[in-house]
Amino acid sequence: MTRLAVLLILLTGCGNYDISVNDQVIYAAPAIFLDFDLPDEALQTCVRQRVMDLRLSSPEALIDLNCSNAGIESLEGIALFRNIERLKLSSNRIRNLMALTKLSGLHALWLDDNVVIDPVPLTALSDLRTLNLADNDSLQCPKTGLLDHVETLTLPTHCGERT
């Protein structure tokens, strides 16, 4: 095996580390993107943990986020992570959904067991295919046709269910 092949094998196994030879850096791992500040402390903590776990180097790299049971009240600033496709926010205290309107690539969204009242901002998410709004006791039930682009829609019992 050539030295180059050995070096390539080492590089793929050490993708999260800087590699130096004779005090010369020959490979620098991408820096983890932590330069963000979300107003809701619980959301900040959840997103920061996910970014660190996956060692993401940019906000665009965050595709899948699960922040269930995190105590989140506000989604302000989430638009920084504009490539999120799957977002699980079950069992929080989220009421206002306006911040989600900028996540145009969102395919699946779980907002069950929150305090959502108005689902209208979700009409801006034309790629949304799965939406769970169950157990939002004060939800204003969406009018017929409002969320027709959603293939799997789960509503609170007071609205009836469509799946």
C-alpha atoms as a PDB file:
ATOM      1  CA  MET A   1       0.000   0.000   0.000  1.00  0.00           C
ATOM      2  CA  THR A   2       1.398   3.370  -0.883  1.00  0.00           C
ATOM      3  CA  ARG A   3       1.890   6.165   1.607  1.00  0.00           C
ATOM      4  CA  LEU A   4      -0.797   8.182  -0.125  1.00  0.00           C
ATOM      5  CA  ALA A   5      -3.341   5.395   0.305  1.00  0.00           C
ATOM      6  CA  VAL A   6      -2.490   5.094   3.990  1.00  0.00           C
ATOM      7  CA  LEU A   7      -2.819   8.847   4.405  1.00  0.00           C
ATOM      8  CA  LEU A   8      -6.236   8.833   2.694  1.00  0.00           C
ATOM      9  CA  ILE A   9      -7.446   6.042   4.964  1.00  0.00           C
ATOM     10  CA  LEU A  10      -6.279   7.992   7.993  1.00  0.00           C
ATOM     11  CA  LEU A  11      -7.987  11.151   6.765  1.00  0.00           C
ATOM     12  CA  THR A  12     -11.363   9.461   6.308  1.00  0.00           C
ATOM     13  CA  GLY A  13     -11.185   7.970   9.796  1.00  0.00           C
ATOM     14  CA  CYS A  14     -10.152  11.245  11.379  1.00  0.00           C
ATOM     15  CA  GLY A  15     -12.489  13.641   9.612  1.00  0.00           C
ATOM     16  CA  ASN A  16     -13.228  15.488  12.833  1.00  0.00           C
ATOM     17  CA  TYR A  17      -9.593  16.151  13.723  1.00  0.00           C
ATOM     18  CA  ASP A  18      -6.798  18.332  12.397  1.00  0.00           C
ATOM     19  CA  ILE A  19      -3.909  16.303  11.019  1.00  0.00           C
ATOM     20  CA  SER A  20      -0.337  17.576  11.120  1.00  0.00           C
ATOM     21  CA  VAL A  21       2.944  16.234   9.786  1.00  0.00           C
ATOM     22  CA  ASN A  22       6.139  17.840  11.110  1.00  0.00           C
ATOM     23  CA  ASP A  23       4.064  20.607  12.694  1.00  0.00           C
ATOM     24  CA  GLN A  24       2.475  21.389   9.318  1.00  0.00           C
ATOM     25  CA  VAL A  25      -1.312  21.096   9.206  1.00  0.00           C
ATOM     26  CA  ILE A  26      -2.148  18.978   6.170  1.00  0.00           C
ATOM     27  CA  TYR A  27      -5.842  18.651   6.968  1.00  0.00           C
ATOM     28  CA  ALA A  28      -8.025  20.918   9.094  1.00  0.00           C
ATOM     29  CA  ALA A  29     -11.425  19.649  10.153  1.00  0.00           C
ATOM     30  CA  PRO A  30     -14.239  22.049   9.311  1.00  0.00           C
ATOM     31  CA  ALA A  31     -15.182  24.260  12.240  1.00  0.00           C
ATOM     32  CA  ILE A  32     -18.491  23.506  13.924  1.00  0.00           C
ATOM     33  CA  PHE A  33     -21.031  26.264  13.294  1.00  0.00           C
ATOM     34  CA  LEU A  34     -21.944  27.672  16.696  1.00  0.00           C
ATOM     35  CA  ASP A  35     -22.204  31.344  15.771  1.00  0.00           C
ATOM     36  CA  PHE A  36     -25.943  31.729  16.284  1.00  0.00           C
ATOM     37  CA  ASP A  37     -28.144  33.076  19.020  1.00  0.00           C
ATOM     38  CA  LEU A  38     -31.806  32.092  19.132  1.00  0.00           C
ATOM     39  CA  PRO A  39     -33.983  34.170  21.493  1.00  0.00           C
ATOM     40  CA  ASP A  40     -35.692  31.132  23.044  1.00  0.00           C
ATOM     41  CA  GLU A  41     -33.138  29.532  25.355  1.00  0.00           C
ATOM     42  CA  ALA A  42     -34.678  26.067  25.072  1.00  0.00           C
ATOM     43  CA  LEU A  43     -34.604  26.202  21.260  1.00  0.00           C
ATOM     44  CA  GLN A  44     -31.022  27.504  21.372  1.00  0.00           C
ATOM     45  CA  THR A  45     -29.978  24.598  23.596  1.00  0.00           C
ATOM     46  CA  CYS A  46     -31.673  21.980  21.409  1.00  0.00           C
ATOM     47  CA  VAL A  47     -30.315  23.301  18.105  1.00  0.00           C
ATOM     48  CA  ARG A  48     -26.822  23.814  19.540  1.00  0.00           C
ATOM     49  CA  GLN A  49     -26.747  20.208  20.776  1.00  0.00           C
ATOM     50  CA  ARG A  50     -27.839  18.877  17.378  1.00  0.00           C
ATOM     51  CA  VAL A  51     -25.225  20.987  15.569  1.00  0.00           C
ATOM     52  CA  MET A  52     -22.511  19.720  17.923  1.00  0.00           C
ATOM     53  CA  ASP A  53     -23.676  16.078  17.725  1.00  0.00           C
ATOM     54  CA  LEU A  54     -23.533  16.141  13.931  1.00  0.00           C
ATOM     55  CA  ARG A  55     -20.476  18.450  13.833  1.00  0.00           C
ATOM     56  CA  LEU A  56     -22.227  20.698  11.318  1.00  0.00           C
ATOM     57  CA  SER A  57     -20.122  23.427   9.741  1.00  0.00           C
ATOM     58  CA  SER A  58     -22.965  25.607   8.425  1.00  0.00           C
ATOM     59  CA  PRO A  59     -26.606  26.348   9.236  1.00  0.00           C
ATOM     60  CA  GLU A  60     -27.602  24.955   5.824  1.00  0.00           C
ATOM     61  CA  ALA A  61     -26.357  21.506   6.866  1.00  0.00           C
ATOM     62  CA  LEU A  62     -29.131  21.067   9.441  1.00  0.00           C
ATOM     63  CA  ILE A  63     -31.826  18.964   7.732  1.00  0.00           C
ATOM     64  CA  ASP A  64     -33.500  17.028  10.545  1.00  0.00           C
ATOM     65  CA  LEU A  65     -34.255  18.474  13.997  1.00  0.00           C
ATOM     66  CA  ASN A  66     -36.062  16.925  16.939  1.00  0.00           C
ATOM     67  CA  CYS A  67     -36.738  19.345  19.802  1.00  0.00           C
ATOM     68  CA  SER A  68     -39.641  17.557  21.458  1.00  0.00           C
ATOM     69  CA  ASN A  69     -40.270  18.047  25.173  1.00  0.00           C
ATOM     70  CA  ALA A  70     -37.751  20.894  25.297  1.00  0.00           C
ATOM     71  CA  GLY A  71     -39.817  23.717  26.835  1.00  0.00           C
ATOM     72  CA  ILE A  72     -39.738  25.816  23.662  1.00  0.00           C
ATOM     73  CA  GLU A  73     -42.098  28.792  23.502  1.00  0.00           C
ATOM     74  CA  SER A  74     -40.760  30.768  20.517  1.00  0.00           C
ATOM     75  CA  LEU A  75     -39.418  29.718  17.129  1.00  0.00           C
ATOM     76  CA  GLU A  76     -37.957  33.142  16.360  1.00  0.00           C
ATOM     77  CA  GLY A  77     -34.649  32.808  14.511  1.00  0.00           C
ATOM     78  CA  ILE A  78     -35.241  29.243  13.255  1.00  0.00           C
ATOM     79  CA  ALA A  79     -35.177  30.578   9.671  1.00  0.00           C
ATOM     80  CA  LEU A  80     -31.378  30.688   9.911  1.00  0.00           C
ATOM     81  CA  PHE A  81     -31.561  26.923   9.432  1.00  0.00           C
ATOM     82  CA  ARG A  82     -33.504  27.257   6.187  1.00  0.00           C
ATOM     83  CA  ASN A  83     -32.798  23.741   4.877  1.00  0.00           C
ATOM     84  CA  ILE A  84     -34.664  21.912   7.624  1.00  0.00           C
ATOM     85  CA  GLU A  85     -36.885  19.274   6.018  1.00  0.00           C
ATOM     86  CA  ARG A  86     -38.136  17.408   9.099  1.00  0.00           C
ATOM     87  CA  LEU A  87     -38.936  19.284  12.309  1.00  0.00           C
ATOM     88  CA  LYS A  88     -40.314  17.619  15.410  1.00  0.00           C
ATOM     89  CA  LEU A  89     -41.521  20.063  18.056  1.00  0.00           C
ATOM     90  CA  SER A  90     -43.973  17.868  19.963  1.00  0.00           C
ATOM     91  CA  SER A  91     -44.869  18.643  23.579  1.00  0.00           C
ATOM     92  CA  ASN A  92     -43.614  22.200  23.878  1.00  0.00           C
ATOM     93  CA  ARG A  93     -45.404  25.519  24.500  1.00  0.00           C
ATOM     94  CA  ILE A  94     -45.324  26.896  20.939  1.00  0.00           C
ATOM     95  CA  ARG A  95     -48.134  29.215  19.950  1.00  0.00           C
ATOM     96  CA  ASN A  96     -46.941  31.424  17.072  1.00  0.00           C
ATOM     97  CA  LEU A  97     -45.934  29.714  13.808  1.00  0.00           C
ATOM     98  CA  MET A  98     -44.881  32.762  11.753  1.00  0.00           C
ATOM     99  CA  ALA A  99     -41.160  31.932  12.072  1.00  0.00           C
ATOM    100  CA  LEU A 100     -41.773  28.668  10.200  1.00  0.00           C
ATOM    101  CA  THR A 101     -42.911  30.424   7.013  1.00  0.00           C
ATOM    102  CA  LYS A 102     -39.276  30.858   5.900  1.00  0.00           C
ATOM    103  CA  LEU A 103     -38.589  27.097   6.023  1.00  0.00           C
ATOM    104  CA  SER A 104     -39.802  26.572   2.467  1.00  0.00           C
ATOM    105  CA  GLY A 105     -38.294  23.078   2.145  1.00  0.00           C
ATOM    106  CA  LEU A 106     -40.069  21.702   5.201  1.00  0.00           C
ATOM    107  CA  HIS A 107     -41.643  18.311   4.370  1.00  0.00           C
ATOM    108  CA  ALA A 108     -42.691  17.033   7.795  1.00  0.00           C
ATOM    109  CA  LEU A 109     -43.698  18.974  10.890  1.00  0.00           C
ATOM    110  CA  TRP A 110     -44.864  17.700  14.252  1.00  0.00           C
ATOM    111  CA  LEU A 111     -46.484  20.325  16.480  1.00  0.00           C
ATOM    112  CA  ASP A 112     -48.674  17.987  18.502  1.00  0.00           C
ATOM    113  CA  ASP A 113     -49.242  18.846  22.166  1.00  0.00           C
ATOM    114  CA  ASN A 114     -48.445  22.558  21.967  1.00  0.00           C
ATOM    115  CA  VAL A 115     -50.601  25.684  22.314  1.00  0.00           C
ATOM    116  CA  VAL A 116     -50.952  26.510  18.600  1.00  0.00           C
ATOM    117  CA  ILE A 117     -54.004  28.619  17.824  1.00  0.00           C
ATOM    118  CA  ASP A 118     -53.652  29.749  14.194  1.00  0.00           C
ATOM    119  CA  PRO A 119     -52.496  27.252  11.531  1.00  0.00           C
ATOM    120  CA  VAL A 120     -52.722  29.803   8.670  1.00  0.00           C
ATOM    121  CA  PRO A 121     -48.939  30.536   8.548  1.00  0.00           C
ATOM    122  CA  LEU A 122     -48.424  26.903   7.527  1.00  0.00           C
ATOM    123  CA  THR A 123     -50.167  27.551   4.196  1.00  0.00           C
ATOM    124  CA  ALA A 124     -46.908  29.199   3.048  1.00  0.00           C
ATOM    125  CA  LEU A 125     -45.147  25.819   3.260  1.00  0.00           C
ATOM    126  CA  SER A 126     -46.058  24.353  -0.125  1.00  0.00           C
ATOM    127  CA  ASP A 127     -43.672  21.371   0.262  1.00  0.00           C
ATOM    128  CA  LEU A 128     -45.223  20.306   3.579  1.00  0.00           C
ATOM    129  CA  ARG A 129     -46.578  16.744   3.272  1.00  0.00           C
ATOM    130  CA  THR A 130     -46.899  15.586   6.894  1.00  0.00           C
ATOM    131  CA  LEU A 131     -48.356  17.800   9.614  1.00  0.00           C
ATOM    132  CA  ASN A 132     -49.390  16.825  13.123  1.00  0.00           C
ATOM    133  CA  LEU A 133     -51.388  19.404  15.095  1.00  0.00           C
ATOM    134  CA  ALA A 134     -53.057  16.954  17.515  1.00  0.00           C
ATOM    135  CA  ASP A 135     -53.606  18.000  21.123  1.00  0.00           C
ATOM    136  CA  ASN A 136     -53.618  21.733  20.427  1.00  0.00           C
ATOM    137  CA  ASP A 137     -56.848  22.331  22.314  1.00  0.00           C
ATOM    138  CA  SER A 138     -57.253  25.977  21.246  1.00  0.00           C
ATOM    139  CA  LEU A 139     -56.458  25.447  17.572  1.00  0.00           C
ATOM    140  CA  GLN A 140     -58.717  27.296  15.159  1.00  0.00           C
ATOM    141  CA  CYS A 141     -59.657  24.440  12.888  1.00  0.00           C
ATOM    142  CA  PRO A 142     -58.385  25.072   9.349  1.00  0.00           C
ATOM    143  CA  LYS A 143     -61.027  25.771   6.746  1.00  0.00           C
ATOM    144  CA  THR A 144     -61.544  23.186   4.041  1.00  0.00           C
ATOM    145  CA  GLY A 145     -58.896  23.581   1.366  1.00  0.00           C
ATOM    146  CA  LEU A 146     -56.489  25.561   3.551  1.00  0.00           C
ATOM    147  CA  LEU A 147     -54.021  22.705   4.019  1.00  0.00           C
ATOM    148  CA  ASP A 148     -54.954  20.536   1.027  1.00  0.00           C
ATOM    149  CA  HIS A 149     -51.299  20.260  -0.015  1.00  0.00           C
ATOM    150  CA  VAL A 150     -50.609  18.277   3.179  1.00  0.00           C
ATOM    151  CA  GLU A 151     -50.964  14.542   2.510  1.00  0.00           C
ATOM    152  CA  THR A 152     -51.001  13.374   6.139  1.00  0.00           C
ATOM    153  CA  LEU A 153     -52.758  15.870   8.395  1.00  0.00           C
ATOM    154  CA  THR A 154     -53.539  15.098  12.011  1.00  0.00           C
ATOM    155  CA  LEU A 155     -55.785  17.602  13.789  1.00  0.00           C
ATOM    156  CA  PRO A 156     -57.074  17.862  17.360  1.00  0.00           C
ATOM    157  CA  THR A 157     -60.217  15.846  18.059  1.00  0.00           C
ATOM    158  CA  HIS A 158     -62.359  19.014  18.159  1.00  0.00           C
ATOM    159  CA  CYS A 159     -61.513  19.543  14.453  1.00  0.00           C
ATOM    160  CA  GLY A 160     -61.947  15.974  13.321  1.00  0.00           C
ATOM    161  CA  GLU A 161     -59.037  14.115  11.733  1.00  0.00           C
ATOM    162  CA  ARG A 162     -57.840  13.743   8.181  1.00  0.00           C
ATOM    163  CA  THR A 163     -55.011  11.375   7.366  1.00  0.00           C
END
